Amino acid sequence: MIHIKLIAEMLGTFTLIGVILSVGQTIPVAIALAAAIYHFGKPTGGHFNPAVSFVMFLEGKITLAEFAMYSVAQLAGGYLALKWVGLEPKEIALPGSPMRS
């Protein structure tokens, strides 16, 4: 059953990050998040973000092992979304940081 949860977290994160990177507008991102939660949220609760999974771990709703596995799946989904929209991690600048060349 854990493999289904990991695939759901990866696909949900891929969907969310893919829309954020390709469109970047509020309404499409909200729709993507709602769709990801609807389609992939049932097995896991629809975290789609390591920070959310960390809070769920702190509250005792998931184990440390689940947190670690969810985080890896979420990072993989985010990386696949980067590749899908044709970006490299070095091309992404955090808000307030200088653009990387």
N, C-alpha and C. Protein backbone atom coordinates (compact mmCIF):
# COMPACT_ATOMS: atom_id res chain seq x y z
N MET A 1 0.82 -1.20 0.00
CA MET A 1 0.00 0.00 0.00
C MET A 1 0.85 1.26 0.00
N ILE A 2 2.07 1.19 0.60
CA ILE A 2 2.91 2.38 0.66
C ILE A 2 3.32 2.84 -0.73
N HIS A 3 3.50 1.91 -1.68
CA HIS A 3 3.88 2.33 -3.03
C HIS A 3 2.80 3.17 -3.69
N ILE A 4 1.54 2.88 -3.41
CA ILE A 4 0.44 3.69 -3.95
C ILE A 4 0.48 5.09 -3.35
N LYS A 5 0.77 5.19 -2.05
CA LYS A 5 0.88 6.49 -1.40
C LYS A 5 2.02 7.30 -1.99
N LEU A 6 3.14 6.66 -2.24
CA LEU A 6 4.30 7.37 -2.78
C LEU A 6 4.04 7.84 -4.21
N ILE A 7 3.42 7.00 -5.00
CA ILE A 7 3.08 7.40 -6.38
C ILE A 7 2.08 8.56 -6.34
N ALA A 8 1.11 8.50 -5.43
CA ALA A 8 0.12 9.57 -5.31
C ALA A 8 0.80 10.88 -4.92
N GLU A 9 1.72 10.85 -3.97
CA GLU A 9 2.43 12.06 -3.57
C GLU A 9 3.28 12.61 -4.71
N MET A 10 3.94 11.72 -5.44
CA MET A 10 4.78 12.16 -6.55
C MET A 10 3.93 12.80 -7.65
N LEU A 11 2.83 12.15 -8.03
CA LEU A 11 1.98 12.68 -9.10
C LEU A 11 1.28 13.97 -8.68
N GLY A 12 0.84 14.04 -7.43
CA GLY A 12 0.21 15.27 -6.95
C GLY A 12 1.17 16.43 -6.94
N THR A 13 2.40 16.18 -6.47
CA THR A 13 3.42 17.23 -6.46
C THR A 13 3.80 17.63 -7.88
N PHE A 14 3.93 16.65 -8.76
CA PHE A 14 4.23 16.92 -10.17
C PHE A 14 3.16 17.83 -10.77
N THR A 15 1.90 17.52 -10.52
CA THR A 15 0.80 18.33 -11.05
C THR A 15 0.87 19.75 -10.53
N LEU A 16 1.00 19.89 -9.23
CA LEU A 16 1.01 21.22 -8.62
C LEU A 16 2.21 22.04 -9.09
N ILE A 17 3.40 21.49 -9.01
CA ILE A 17 4.61 22.23 -9.39
C ILE A 17 4.63 22.49 -10.89
N GLY A 18 4.16 21.54 -11.67
CA GLY A 18 4.09 21.73 -13.13
C GLY A 18 3.25 22.93 -13.51
N VAL A 19 2.10 23.09 -12.86
CA VAL A 19 1.23 24.24 -13.15
C VAL A 19 1.86 25.53 -12.62
N ILE A 20 2.45 25.48 -11.45
CA ILE A 20 3.10 26.67 -10.91
C ILE A 20 4.19 27.15 -11.86
N LEU A 21 5.01 26.24 -12.35
CA LEU A 21 6.13 26.62 -13.21
C LEU A 21 5.70 27.02 -14.61
N SER A 22 4.66 26.40 -15.14
CA SER A 22 4.27 26.69 -16.52
C SER A 22 3.28 27.83 -16.63
N VAL A 23 2.43 28.05 -15.64
CA VAL A 23 1.41 29.10 -15.71
C VAL A 23 1.70 30.19 -14.69
N GLY A 24 1.84 29.81 -13.43
CA GLY A 24 2.22 30.73 -12.38
C GLY A 24 1.15 31.71 -11.94
N GLN A 25 -0.08 31.52 -12.34
CA GLN A 25 -1.16 32.41 -11.92
C GLN A 25 -1.99 31.73 -10.85
N THR A 26 -2.61 32.53 -10.00
CA THR A 26 -3.28 32.03 -8.81
C THR A 26 -4.42 31.06 -9.12
N ILE A 27 -5.32 31.42 -10.00
CA ILE A 27 -6.50 30.58 -10.26
C ILE A 27 -6.11 29.21 -10.83
N PRO A 28 -5.25 29.14 -11.85
CA PRO A 28 -4.85 27.80 -12.34
C PRO A 28 -4.13 26.97 -11.28
N VAL A 29 -3.33 27.62 -10.45
CA VAL A 29 -2.62 26.89 -9.38
C VAL A 29 -3.63 26.33 -8.38
N ALA A 30 -4.62 27.13 -8.01
CA ALA A 30 -5.66 26.66 -7.08
C ALA A 30 -6.45 25.50 -7.67
N ILE A 31 -6.76 25.60 -8.96
CA ILE A 31 -7.48 24.51 -9.63
C ILE A 31 -6.62 23.26 -9.68
N ALA A 32 -5.32 23.42 -9.97
CA ALA A 32 -4.41 22.27 -10.01
C ALA A 32 -4.31 21.61 -8.64
N LEU A 33 -4.22 22.42 -7.58
CA LEU A 33 -4.15 21.86 -6.23
C LEU A 33 -5.43 21.11 -5.89
N ALA A 34 -6.58 21.70 -6.21
CA ALA A 34 -7.86 21.03 -5.94
C ALA A 34 -7.96 19.72 -6.73
N ALA A 35 -7.53 19.73 -7.99
CA ALA A 35 -7.57 18.52 -8.80
C ALA A 35 -6.62 17.46 -8.25
N ALA A 36 -5.42 17.88 -7.84
CA ALA A 36 -4.46 16.93 -7.28
C ALA A 36 -4.99 16.31 -5.99
N ILE A 37 -5.57 17.13 -5.14
CA ILE A 37 -6.14 16.60 -3.89
C ILE A 37 -7.29 15.65 -4.20
N TYR A 38 -8.13 16.01 -5.15
CA TYR A 38 -9.27 15.17 -5.51
C TYR A 38 -8.80 13.82 -6.05
N HIS A 39 -7.82 13.84 -6.94
CA HIS A 39 -7.38 12.60 -7.60
C HIS A 39 -6.38 11.79 -6.79
N PHE A 40 -5.48 12.46 -6.08
CA PHE A 40 -4.38 11.75 -5.43
C PHE A 40 -4.40 11.85 -3.91
N GLY A 41 -5.30 12.62 -3.34
CA GLY A 41 -5.27 12.88 -1.90
C GLY A 41 -5.81 11.79 -1.02
N LYS A 42 -6.65 10.92 -1.55
CA LYS A 42 -7.29 9.91 -0.70
C LYS A 42 -6.29 8.98 0.00
N PRO A 43 -5.29 8.45 -0.71
CA PRO A 43 -4.39 7.53 0.01
C PRO A 43 -3.50 8.21 1.06
N THR A 44 -3.16 9.49 0.86
CA THR A 44 -2.15 10.12 1.72
C THR A 44 -2.63 11.34 2.48
N GLY A 45 -3.72 11.91 2.07
CA GLY A 45 -4.16 13.17 2.65
C GLY A 45 -3.76 14.36 1.80
N GLY A 46 -3.04 14.11 0.72
CA GLY A 46 -2.68 15.16 -0.23
C GLY A 46 -1.71 16.18 0.32
N HIS A 47 -0.58 15.74 0.81
CA HIS A 47 0.41 16.68 1.35
C HIS A 47 1.05 17.48 0.23
N PHE A 48 1.67 16.82 -0.74
CA PHE A 48 2.30 17.41 -1.92
C PHE A 48 3.36 18.45 -1.59
N ASN A 49 3.89 18.43 -0.39
CA ASN A 49 4.88 19.41 0.04
C ASN A 49 5.57 18.83 1.28
N PRO A 50 6.90 18.76 1.27
CA PRO A 50 7.59 18.21 2.44
C PRO A 50 7.29 18.97 3.74
N ALA A 51 7.01 20.26 3.65
CA ALA A 51 6.69 21.03 4.87
C ALA A 51 5.38 20.54 5.48
N VAL A 52 4.41 20.25 4.64
CA VAL A 52 3.13 19.72 5.13
C VAL A 52 3.34 18.34 5.75
N SER A 53 4.12 17.51 5.07
CA SER A 53 4.41 16.18 5.61
C SER A 53 5.14 16.28 6.94
N PHE A 54 6.05 17.25 7.08
CA PHE A 54 6.77 17.42 8.34
C PHE A 54 5.82 17.78 9.48
N VAL A 55 4.87 18.67 9.21
CA VAL A 55 3.87 19.02 10.23
C VAL A 55 3.04 17.80 10.59
N MET A 56 2.66 17.00 9.61
CA MET A 56 1.89 15.78 9.89
C MET A 56 2.71 14.81 10.75
N PHE A 57 4.03 14.75 10.50
CA PHE A 57 4.91 13.93 11.34
C PHE A 57 4.94 14.48 12.76
N LEU A 58 5.12 15.78 12.90
CA LEU A 58 5.18 16.38 14.24
C LEU A 58 3.88 16.16 15.02
N GLU A 59 2.76 16.15 14.32
CA GLU A 59 1.48 15.91 14.97
C GLU A 59 1.19 14.43 15.19
N GLY A 60 2.10 13.56 14.76
CA GLY A 60 1.94 12.13 14.97
C GLY A 60 0.99 11.46 14.00
N LYS A 61 0.67 12.11 12.90
CA LYS A 61 -0.26 11.53 11.93
C LYS A 61 0.42 10.62 10.92
N ILE A 62 1.74 10.78 10.76
CA ILE A 62 2.53 9.85 9.95
C ILE A 62 3.81 9.54 10.72
N THR A 63 4.42 8.42 10.38
CA THR A 63 5.66 8.01 11.05
C THR A 63 6.85 8.72 10.42
N LEU A 64 8.01 8.61 11.07
CA LEU A 64 9.23 9.18 10.53
C LEU A 64 9.57 8.54 9.19
N ALA A 65 9.38 7.23 9.08
CA ALA A 65 9.66 6.54 7.82
C ALA A 65 8.73 7.03 6.71
N GLU A 66 7.45 7.22 7.03
CA GLU A 66 6.52 7.75 6.02
C GLU A 66 6.91 9.17 5.62
N PHE A 67 7.28 9.99 6.60
CA PHE A 67 7.72 11.35 6.30
C PHE A 67 8.90 11.33 5.33
N ALA A 68 9.88 10.49 5.59
CA ALA A 68 11.06 10.40 4.73
C ALA A 68 10.67 9.95 3.32
N MET A 69 9.84 8.92 3.24
CA MET A 69 9.44 8.41 1.92
C MET A 69 8.58 9.42 1.17
N TYR A 70 7.64 10.06 1.86
CA TYR A 70 6.81 11.08 1.23
C TYR A 70 7.68 12.21 0.70
N SER A 71 8.66 12.65 1.49
CA SER A 71 9.52 13.76 1.08
C SER A 71 10.31 13.41 -0.17
N VAL A 72 10.84 12.20 -0.23
CA VAL A 72 11.57 11.77 -1.42
C VAL A 72 10.63 11.75 -2.64
N ALA A 73 9.43 11.21 -2.47
CA ALA A 73 8.46 11.17 -3.56
C ALA A 73 8.08 12.58 -4.01
N GLN A 74 7.90 13.50 -3.06
CA GLN A 74 7.54 14.88 -3.39
C GLN A 74 8.69 15.58 -4.12
N LEU A 75 9.91 15.37 -3.66
CA LEU A 75 11.06 15.96 -4.34
C LEU A 75 11.20 15.40 -5.76
N ALA A 76 10.95 14.11 -5.92
CA ALA A 76 11.00 13.50 -7.25
C ALA A 76 9.92 14.10 -8.15
N GLY A 77 8.72 14.27 -7.62
CA GLY A 77 7.65 14.89 -8.40
C GLY A 77 7.99 16.31 -8.81
N GLY A 78 8.58 17.07 -7.90
CA GLY A 78 8.99 18.44 -8.22
C GLY A 78 10.08 18.46 -9.27
N TYR A 79 11.05 17.56 -9.16
CA TYR A 79 12.12 17.48 -10.15
C TYR A 79 11.58 17.10 -11.52
N LEU A 80 10.68 16.13 -11.56
CA LEU A 80 10.08 15.73 -12.84
C LEU A 80 9.29 16.88 -13.46
N ALA A 81 8.63 17.68 -12.63
CA ALA A 81 7.91 18.85 -13.14
C ALA A 81 8.88 19.87 -13.74
N LEU A 82 10.02 20.08 -13.08
CA LEU A 82 11.05 20.96 -13.63
C LEU A 82 11.47 20.49 -15.02
N LYS A 83 11.74 19.21 -15.14
CA LYS A 83 12.17 18.66 -16.43
C LYS A 83 11.05 18.75 -17.46
N TRP A 84 9.82 18.54 -17.04
CA TRP A 84 8.67 18.58 -17.95
C TRP A 84 8.50 19.96 -18.57
N VAL A 85 8.71 21.02 -17.80
CA VAL A 85 8.57 22.37 -18.35
C VAL A 85 9.88 22.86 -18.97
N GLY A 86 10.92 22.01 -18.94
CA GLY A 86 12.17 22.33 -19.61
C GLY A 86 13.11 23.21 -18.84
N LEU A 87 13.04 23.18 -17.52
CA LEU A 87 13.93 23.97 -16.69
C LEU A 87 14.93 23.07 -15.99
N GLU A 88 16.02 23.66 -15.58
CA GLU A 88 17.01 23.00 -14.75
C GLU A 88 16.95 23.63 -13.36
N PRO A 89 17.26 22.88 -12.31
CA PRO A 89 17.21 23.46 -10.96
C PRO A 89 18.03 24.74 -10.81
N LYS A 90 19.15 24.86 -11.51
CA LYS A 90 19.98 26.06 -11.40
C LYS A 90 19.30 27.29 -12.01
N GLU A 91 18.26 27.10 -12.83
CA GLU A 91 17.56 28.22 -13.45
C GLU A 91 16.47 28.82 -12.56
N ILE A 92 16.20 28.20 -11.44
CA ILE A 92 15.16 28.67 -10.53
C ILE A 92 15.81 29.53 -9.46
N ALA A 93 15.33 30.76 -9.32
CA ALA A 93 15.84 31.65 -8.27
C ALA A 93 14.77 31.81 -7.21
N LEU A 94 15.18 31.77 -5.97
CA LEU A 94 14.25 31.98 -4.86
C LEU A 94 13.91 33.46 -4.76
N PRO A 95 12.71 33.79 -4.29
CA PRO A 95 12.37 35.20 -4.13
C PRO A 95 13.39 35.91 -3.25
N GLY A 96 13.83 37.07 -3.71
CA GLY A 96 14.79 37.85 -2.95
C GLY A 96 16.24 37.47 -3.18
N SER A 97 16.48 36.42 -3.97
CA SER A 97 17.86 36.04 -4.24
C SER A 97 18.25 36.55 -5.62
N PRO A 98 19.54 36.78 -5.85
CA PRO A 98 19.96 37.23 -7.17
C PRO A 98 19.77 36.11 -8.20
N MET A 99 19.44 36.46 -9.41
CA MET A 99 19.27 35.47 -10.47
C MET A 99 20.59 34.78 -10.74
N ARG A 100 20.51 33.49 -10.92
CA ARG A 100 21.71 32.72 -11.21
C ARG A 100 21.91 32.71 -12.71
N SER A 101 23.15 32.65 -13.13
CA SER A 101 23.43 32.59 -14.58
C SER A 101 24.00 31.26 -14.98
